Amino acid sequence: MNHLTELQCSMYVDGALESAEHAQAADHLAECESCGTKVDAWRNERNLIHASVTTLDGIDLPAETAL
């Protein structure tokens, strides 16, 4: 497998890849530090976005309410 694209990294983090593609990506990530760094960046971004839409002035809100 070649390096993961930005879209594949994003979809991997979101759990949106087909099972076969997810397995290939996971195998690649186990060996490729470069792609692992990209996936970590996408995961951090997702976590920051999630945190920003689930809190309001320090009050935790359910994600479906915040959207």
PDB file of N, CA and C in Angstrom:
ATOM      1  N   MET A   1       0.845  -1.185   0.000  1.00  0.00           N
ATOM      2  CA  MET A   1       0.000   0.000   0.000  1.00  0.00           C
ATOM      3  C   MET A   1       0.885   1.240   0.000  1.00  0.00           C
ATOM      4  N   ASN A   2       0.516   2.212  -0.795  1.00  0.00           N
ATOM      5  CA  ASN A   2       1.202   3.499  -0.788  1.00  0.00           C
ATOM      6  C   ASN A   2       0.814   4.244   0.483  1.00  0.00           C
ATOM      7  N   HIS A   3       1.429   5.406   0.674  1.00  0.00           N
ATOM      8  CA  HIS A   3       1.064   6.227   1.830  1.00  0.00           C
ATOM      9  C   HIS A   3      -0.422   6.560   1.767  1.00  0.00           C
ATOM     10  N   LEU A   4      -1.009   6.771   2.944  1.00  0.00           N
ATOM     11  CA  LEU A   4      -2.417   7.134   3.025  1.00  0.00           C
ATOM     12  C   LEU A   4      -2.612   8.574   2.556  1.00  0.00           C
ATOM     13  N   THR A   5      -3.727   8.810   1.876  1.00  0.00           N
ATOM     14  CA  THR A   5      -4.073  10.179   1.491  1.00  0.00           C
ATOM     15  C   THR A   5      -4.659  10.886   2.708  1.00  0.00           C
ATOM     16  N   GLU A   6      -4.788  12.193   2.612  1.00  0.00           N
ATOM     17  CA  GLU A   6      -5.414  12.952   3.703  1.00  0.00           C
ATOM     18  C   GLU A   6      -6.845  12.462   3.926  1.00  0.00           C
ATOM     19  N   LEU A   7      -7.568  12.179   2.840  1.00  0.00           N
ATOM     20  CA  LEU A   7      -8.935  11.690   2.957  1.00  0.00           C
ATOM     21  C   LEU A   7      -8.966  10.337   3.670  1.00  0.00           C
ATOM     22  N   GLN A   8      -8.062   9.447   3.312  1.00  0.00           N
ATOM     23  CA  GLN A   8      -8.011   8.141   3.978  1.00  0.00           C
ATOM     24  C   GLN A   8      -7.689   8.294   5.464  1.00  0.00           C
ATOM     25  N   CYS A   9      -6.791   9.198   5.794  1.00  0.00           N
ATOM     26  CA  CYS A   9      -6.458   9.440   7.206  1.00  0.00           C
ATOM     27  C   CYS A   9      -7.688   9.928   7.961  1.00  0.00           C
ATOM     28  N   SER A  10      -8.389  10.875   7.392  1.00  0.00           N
ATOM     29  CA  SER A  10      -9.581  11.417   8.019  1.00  0.00           C
ATOM     30  C   SER A  10     -10.644  10.339   8.186  1.00  0.00           C
ATOM     31  N   MET A  11     -10.868   9.564   7.137  1.00  0.00           N
ATOM     32  CA  MET A  11     -11.875   8.507   7.196  1.00  0.00           C
ATOM     33  C   MET A  11     -11.465   7.405   8.171  1.00  0.00           C
ATOM     34  N   TYR A  12     -10.176   7.119   8.273  1.00  0.00           N
ATOM     35  CA  TYR A  12      -9.679   6.129   9.222  1.00  0.00           C
ATOM     36  C   TYR A  12     -10.014   6.565  10.645  1.00  0.00           C
ATOM     37  N   VAL A  13      -9.729   7.813  10.946  1.00  0.00           N
ATOM     38  CA  VAL A  13      -9.999   8.356  12.283  1.00  0.00           C
ATOM     39  C   VAL A  13     -11.492   8.318  12.589  1.00  0.00           C
ATOM     40  N   ASP A  14     -12.317   8.602  11.580  1.00  0.00           N
ATOM     41  CA  ASP A  14     -13.765   8.626  11.778  1.00  0.00           C
ATOM     42  C   ASP A  14     -14.401   7.244  11.719  1.00  0.00           C
ATOM     43  N   GLY A  15     -13.601   6.220  11.400  1.00  0.00           N
ATOM     44  CA  GLY A  15     -14.147   4.871  11.277  1.00  0.00           C
ATOM     45  C   GLY A  15     -15.025   4.706  10.060  1.00  0.00           C
ATOM     46  N   ALA A  16     -14.725   5.476   9.013  1.00  0.00           N
ATOM     47  CA  ALA A  16     -15.577   5.501   7.829  1.00  0.00           C
ATOM     48  C   ALA A  16     -15.036   4.682   6.651  1.00  0.00           C
ATOM     49  N   LEU A  17     -13.916   4.003   6.838  1.00  0.00           N
ATOM     50  CA  LEU A  17     -13.380   3.179   5.748  1.00  0.00           C
ATOM     51  C   LEU A  17     -14.096   1.830   5.707  1.00  0.00           C
ATOM     52  N   GLU A  18     -14.209   1.267   4.502  1.00  0.00           N
ATOM     53  CA  GLU A  18     -14.709  -0.103   4.361  1.00  0.00           C
ATOM     54  C   GLU A  18     -13.776  -1.011   5.153  1.00  0.00           C
ATOM     55  N   SER A  19     -14.257  -2.160   5.590  1.00  0.00           N
ATOM     56  CA  SER A  19     -13.467  -3.023   6.476  1.00  0.00           C
ATOM     57  C   SER A  19     -12.141  -3.450   5.851  1.00  0.00           C
ATOM     58  N   ALA A  20     -12.133  -3.787   4.561  1.00  0.00           N
ATOM     59  CA  ALA A  20     -10.883  -4.210   3.916  1.00  0.00           C
ATOM     60  C   ALA A  20      -9.891  -3.049   3.844  1.00  0.00           C
ATOM     61  N   GLU A  21     -10.392  -1.858   3.495  1.00  0.00           N
ATOM     62  CA  GLU A  21      -9.505  -0.691   3.409  1.00  0.00           C
ATOM     63  C   GLU A  21      -9.024  -0.285   4.806  1.00  0.00           C
ATOM     64  N   HIS A  22      -9.881  -0.428   5.801  1.00  0.00           N
ATOM     65  CA  HIS A  22      -9.485  -0.123   7.179  1.00  0.00           C
ATOM     66  C   HIS A  22      -8.339  -1.051   7.608  1.00  0.00           C
ATOM     67  N   ALA A  23      -8.471  -2.337   7.284  1.00  0.00           N
ATOM     68  CA  ALA A  23      -7.434  -3.309   7.651  1.00  0.00           C
ATOM     69  C   ALA A  23      -6.118  -2.983   6.953  1.00  0.00           C
ATOM     70  N   GLN A  24      -6.185  -2.621   5.679  1.00  0.00           N
ATOM     71  CA  GLN A  24      -4.962  -2.244   4.943  1.00  0.00           C
ATOM     72  C   GLN A  24      -4.331  -1.000   5.557  1.00  0.00           C
ATOM     73  N   ALA A  25      -5.163  -0.021   5.890  1.00  0.00           N
ATOM     74  CA  ALA A  25      -4.651   1.210   6.492  1.00  0.00           C
ATOM     75  C   ALA A  25      -4.011   0.912   7.847  1.00  0.00           C
ATOM     76  N   ALA A  26      -4.646   0.074   8.649  1.00  0.00           N
ATOM     77  CA  ALA A  26      -4.097  -0.274   9.965  1.00  0.00           C
ATOM     78  C   ALA A  26      -2.750  -0.970   9.826  1.00  0.00           C
ATOM     79  N   ASP A  27      -2.653  -1.876   8.869  1.00  0.00           N
ATOM     80  CA  ASP A  27      -1.372  -2.547   8.624  1.00  0.00           C
ATOM     81  C   ASP A  27      -0.307  -1.541   8.219  1.00  0.00           C
ATOM     82  N   HIS A  28      -0.668  -0.622   7.348  1.00  0.00           N
ATOM     83  CA  HIS A  28       0.277   0.398   6.889  1.00  0.00           C
ATOM     84  C   HIS A  28       0.698   1.291   8.059  1.00  0.00           C
ATOM     85  N   LEU A  29      -0.271   1.681   8.883  1.00  0.00           N
ATOM     86  CA  LEU A  29       0.027   2.563  10.015  1.00  0.00           C
ATOM     87  C   LEU A  29       0.948   1.909  11.031  1.00  0.00           C
ATOM     88  N   ALA A  30       0.889   0.600  11.119  1.00  0.00           N
ATOM     89  CA  ALA A  30       1.767  -0.116  12.046  1.00  0.00           C
ATOM     90  C   ALA A  30       3.230  -0.012  11.627  1.00  0.00           C
ATOM     91  N   GLU A  31       3.461   0.278  10.350  1.00  0.00           N
ATOM     92  CA  GLU A  31       4.822   0.336   9.807  1.00  0.00           C
ATOM     93  C   GLU A  31       5.284   1.743   9.418  1.00  0.00           C
ATOM     94  N   CYS A  32       4.354   2.672   9.226  1.00  0.00           N
ATOM     95  CA  CYS A  32       4.702   3.972   8.637  1.00  0.00           C
ATOM     96  C   CYS A  32       4.513   5.115   9.643  1.00  0.00           C
ATOM     97  N   GLU A  33       5.615   5.632  10.117  1.00  0.00           N
ATOM     98  CA  GLU A  33       5.575   6.736  11.086  1.00  0.00           C
ATOM     99  C   GLU A  33       4.989   8.005  10.461  1.00  0.00           C
ATOM    100  N   SER A  34       5.278   8.245   9.196  1.00  0.00           N
ATOM    101  CA  SER A  34       4.785   9.439   8.515  1.00  0.00           C
ATOM    102  C   SER A  34       3.256   9.466   8.484  1.00  0.00           C
ATOM    103  N   CYS A  35       2.653   8.372   8.083  1.00  0.00           N
ATOM    104  CA  CYS A  35       1.193   8.310   8.037  1.00  0.00           C
ATOM    105  C   CYS A  35       0.605   8.301   9.445  1.00  0.00           C
ATOM    106  N   GLY A  36       1.305   7.688  10.382  1.00  0.00           N
ATOM    107  CA  GLY A  36       0.854   7.705  11.768  1.00  0.00           C
ATOM    108  C   GLY A  36       0.778   9.120  12.307  1.00  0.00           C
ATOM    109  N   THR A  37       1.740   9.944  11.926  1.00  0.00           N
ATOM    110  CA  THR A  37       1.734  11.346  12.344  1.00  0.00           C
ATOM    111  C   THR A  37       0.531  12.076  11.755  1.00  0.00           C
ATOM    112  N   LYS A  38       0.217  11.787  10.478  1.00  0.00           N
ATOM    113  CA  LYS A  38      -0.956  12.415   9.849  1.00  0.00           C
ATOM    114  C   LYS A  38      -2.239  11.981  10.542  1.00  0.00           C
ATOM    115  N   VAL A  39      -2.353  10.705  10.852  1.00  0.00           N
ATOM    116  CA  VAL A  39      -3.549  10.199  11.523  1.00  0.00           C
ATOM    117  C   VAL A  39      -3.667  10.822  12.918  1.00  0.00           C
ATOM    118  N   ASP A  40      -2.573  10.952  13.617  1.00  0.00           N
ATOM    119  CA  ASP A  40      -2.601  11.604  14.939  1.00  0.00           C
ATOM    120  C   ASP A  40      -3.092  13.043  14.825  1.00  0.00           C
ATOM    121  N   ALA A  41      -2.654  13.753  13.788  1.00  0.00           N
ATOM    122  CA  ALA A  41      -3.089  15.134  13.586  1.00  0.00           C
ATOM    123  C   ALA A  41      -4.594  15.194  13.323  1.00  0.00           C
ATOM    124  N   TRP A  42      -5.100  14.284  12.481  1.00  0.00           N
ATOM    125  CA  TRP A  42      -6.541  14.232  12.219  1.00  0.00           C
ATOM    126  C   TRP A  42      -7.308  13.896  13.490  1.00  0.00           C
ATOM    127  N   ARG A  43      -6.791  12.962  14.297  1.00  0.00           N
ATOM    128  CA  ARG A  43      -7.452  12.575  15.544  1.00  0.00           C
ATOM    129  C   ARG A  43      -7.485  13.770  16.509  1.00  0.00           C
ATOM    130  N   ASN A  44      -6.389  14.496  16.609  1.00  0.00           N
ATOM    131  CA  ASN A  44      -6.345  15.683  17.476  1.00  0.00           C
ATOM    132  C   ASN A  44      -7.342  16.735  17.014  1.00  0.00           C
ATOM    133  N   GLU A  45      -7.420  16.946  15.698  1.00  0.00           N
ATOM    134  CA  GLU A  45      -8.354  17.931  15.158  1.00  0.00           C
ATOM    135  C   GLU A  45      -9.798  17.516  15.472  1.00  0.00           C
ATOM    136  N   ARG A  46     -10.102  16.234  15.259  1.00  0.00           N
ATOM    137  CA  ARG A  46     -11.449  15.744  15.554  1.00  0.00           C
ATOM    138  C   ARG A  46     -11.782  15.944  17.033  1.00  0.00           C
ATOM    139  N   ASN A  47     -10.840  15.645  17.904  1.00  0.00           N
ATOM    140  CA  ASN A  47     -11.067  15.805  19.336  1.00  0.00           C
ATOM    141  C   ASN A  47     -11.285  17.266  19.719  1.00  0.00           C
ATOM    142  N   LEU A  48     -10.533  18.164  19.095  1.00  0.00           N
ATOM    143  CA  LEU A  48     -10.715  19.597  19.369  1.00  0.00           C
ATOM    144  C   LEU A  48     -12.079  20.077  18.901  1.00  0.00           C
ATOM    145  N   ILE A  49     -12.497  19.637  17.724  1.00  0.00           N
ATOM    146  CA  ILE A  49     -13.813  20.019  17.209  1.00  0.00           C
ATOM    147  C   ILE A  49     -14.899  19.470  18.118  1.00  0.00           C
ATOM    148  N   HIS A  50     -14.768  18.207  18.491  1.00  0.00           N
ATOM    149  CA  HIS A  50     -15.763  17.598  19.378  1.00  0.00           C
ATOM    150  C   HIS A  50     -15.851  18.367  20.695  1.00  0.00           C
ATOM    151  N   ALA A  51     -14.720  18.713  21.250  1.00  0.00           N
ATOM    152  CA  ALA A  51     -14.711  19.449  22.514  1.00  0.00           C
ATOM    153  C   ALA A  51     -15.358  20.819  22.358  1.00  0.00           C
ATOM    154  N   SER A  52     -15.166  21.450  21.211  1.00  0.00           N
ATOM    155  CA  SER A  52     -15.711  22.793  21.024  1.00  0.00           C
ATOM    156  C   SER A  52     -17.221  22.794  20.839  1.00  0.00           C
ATOM    157  N   VAL A  53     -17.794  21.686  20.359  1.00  0.00           N
ATOM    158  CA  VAL A  53     -19.240  21.663  20.149  1.00  0.00           C
ATOM    159  C   VAL A  53     -19.986  20.952  21.279  1.00  0.00           C
ATOM    160  N   THR A  54     -19.262  20.413  22.238  1.00  0.00           N
ATOM    161  CA  THR A  54     -19.937  19.720  23.337  1.00  0.00           C
ATOM    162  C   THR A  54     -19.816  20.459  24.656  1.00  0.00           C
ATOM    163  N   THR A  55     -19.184  21.622  24.639  1.00  0.00           N
ATOM    164  CA  THR A  55     -19.114  22.418  25.861  1.00  0.00           C
ATOM    165  C   THR A  55     -19.536  23.850  25.570  1.00  0.00           C
ATOM    166  N   LEU A  56     -20.174  24.446  26.527  1.00  0.00           N
ATOM    167  CA  LEU A  56     -20.597  25.837  26.420  1.00  0.00           C
ATOM    168  C   LEU A  56     -20.340  26.479  27.771  1.00  0.00           C
ATOM    169  N   ASP A  57     -19.386  27.376  27.804  1.00  0.00           N
ATOM    170  CA  ASP A  57     -19.027  28.037  29.056  1.00  0.00           C
ATOM    171  C   ASP A  57     -18.755  27.037  30.176  1.00  0.00           C
ATOM    172  N   GLY A  58     -18.035  25.976  29.836  1.00  0.00           N
ATOM    173  CA  GLY A  58     -17.662  24.996  30.836  1.00  0.00           C
ATOM    174  C   GLY A  58     -18.742  23.996  31.192  1.00  0.00           C
ATOM    175  N   ILE A  59     -19.896  24.059  30.528  1.00  0.00           N
ATOM    176  CA  ILE A  59     -20.992  23.123  30.796  1.00  0.00           C
ATOM    177  C   ILE A  59     -20.967  22.051  29.711  1.00  0.00           C
ATOM    178  N   ASP A  60     -20.870  20.805  30.110  1.00  0.00           N
ATOM    179  CA  ASP A  60     -20.884  19.717  29.142  1.00  0.00           C
ATOM    180  C   ASP A  60     -22.289  19.547  28.596  1.00  0.00           C
ATOM    181  N   LEU A  61     -22.379  19.492  27.274  1.00  0.00           N
ATOM    182  CA  LEU A  61     -23.656  19.271  26.596  1.00  0.00           C
ATOM    183  C   LEU A  61     -23.581  17.983  25.789  1.00  0.00           C
ATOM    184  N   PRO A  62     -24.689  17.268  25.645  1.00  0.00           N
ATOM    185  CA  PRO A  62     -24.665  16.118  24.738  1.00  0.00           C
ATOM    186  C   PRO A  62     -24.337  16.588  23.323  1.00  0.00           C
ATOM    187  N   ALA A  63     -23.568  15.812  22.586  1.00  0.00           N
ATOM    188  CA  ALA A  63     -23.129  16.210  21.240  1.00  0.00           C
ATOM    189  C   ALA A  63     -24.319  16.520  20.333  1.00  0.00           C
ATOM    190  N   GLU A  64     -25.399  15.761  20.419  1.00  0.00           N
ATOM    191  CA  GLU A  64     -26.538  15.997  19.537  1.00  0.00           C
ATOM    192  C   GLU A  64     -27.231  17.327  19.852  1.00  0.00           C
ATOM    193  N   THR A  65     -27.141  17.799  21.084  1.00  0.00           N
ATOM    194  CA  THR A  65     -27.721  19.093  21.447  1.00  0.00           C
ATOM    195  C   THR A  65     -26.891  20.236  20.893  1.00  0.00           C
ATOM    196  N   ALA A  66     -25.567  20.070  20.922  1.00  0.00           N
ATOM    197  CA  ALA A  66     -24.661  21.139  20.519  1.00  0.00           C
ATOM    198  C   ALA A  66     -24.681  21.361  19.017  1.00  0.00           C
ATOM    199  N   LEU A  67     -25.020  20.348  18.263  1.00  0.00           N
ATOM    200  CA  LEU A  67     -25.001  20.481  16.808  1.00  0.00           C
ATOM    201  C   LEU A  67     -26.231  21.211  16.400  1.00  0.00           C
TER     202      LEU A  67
END
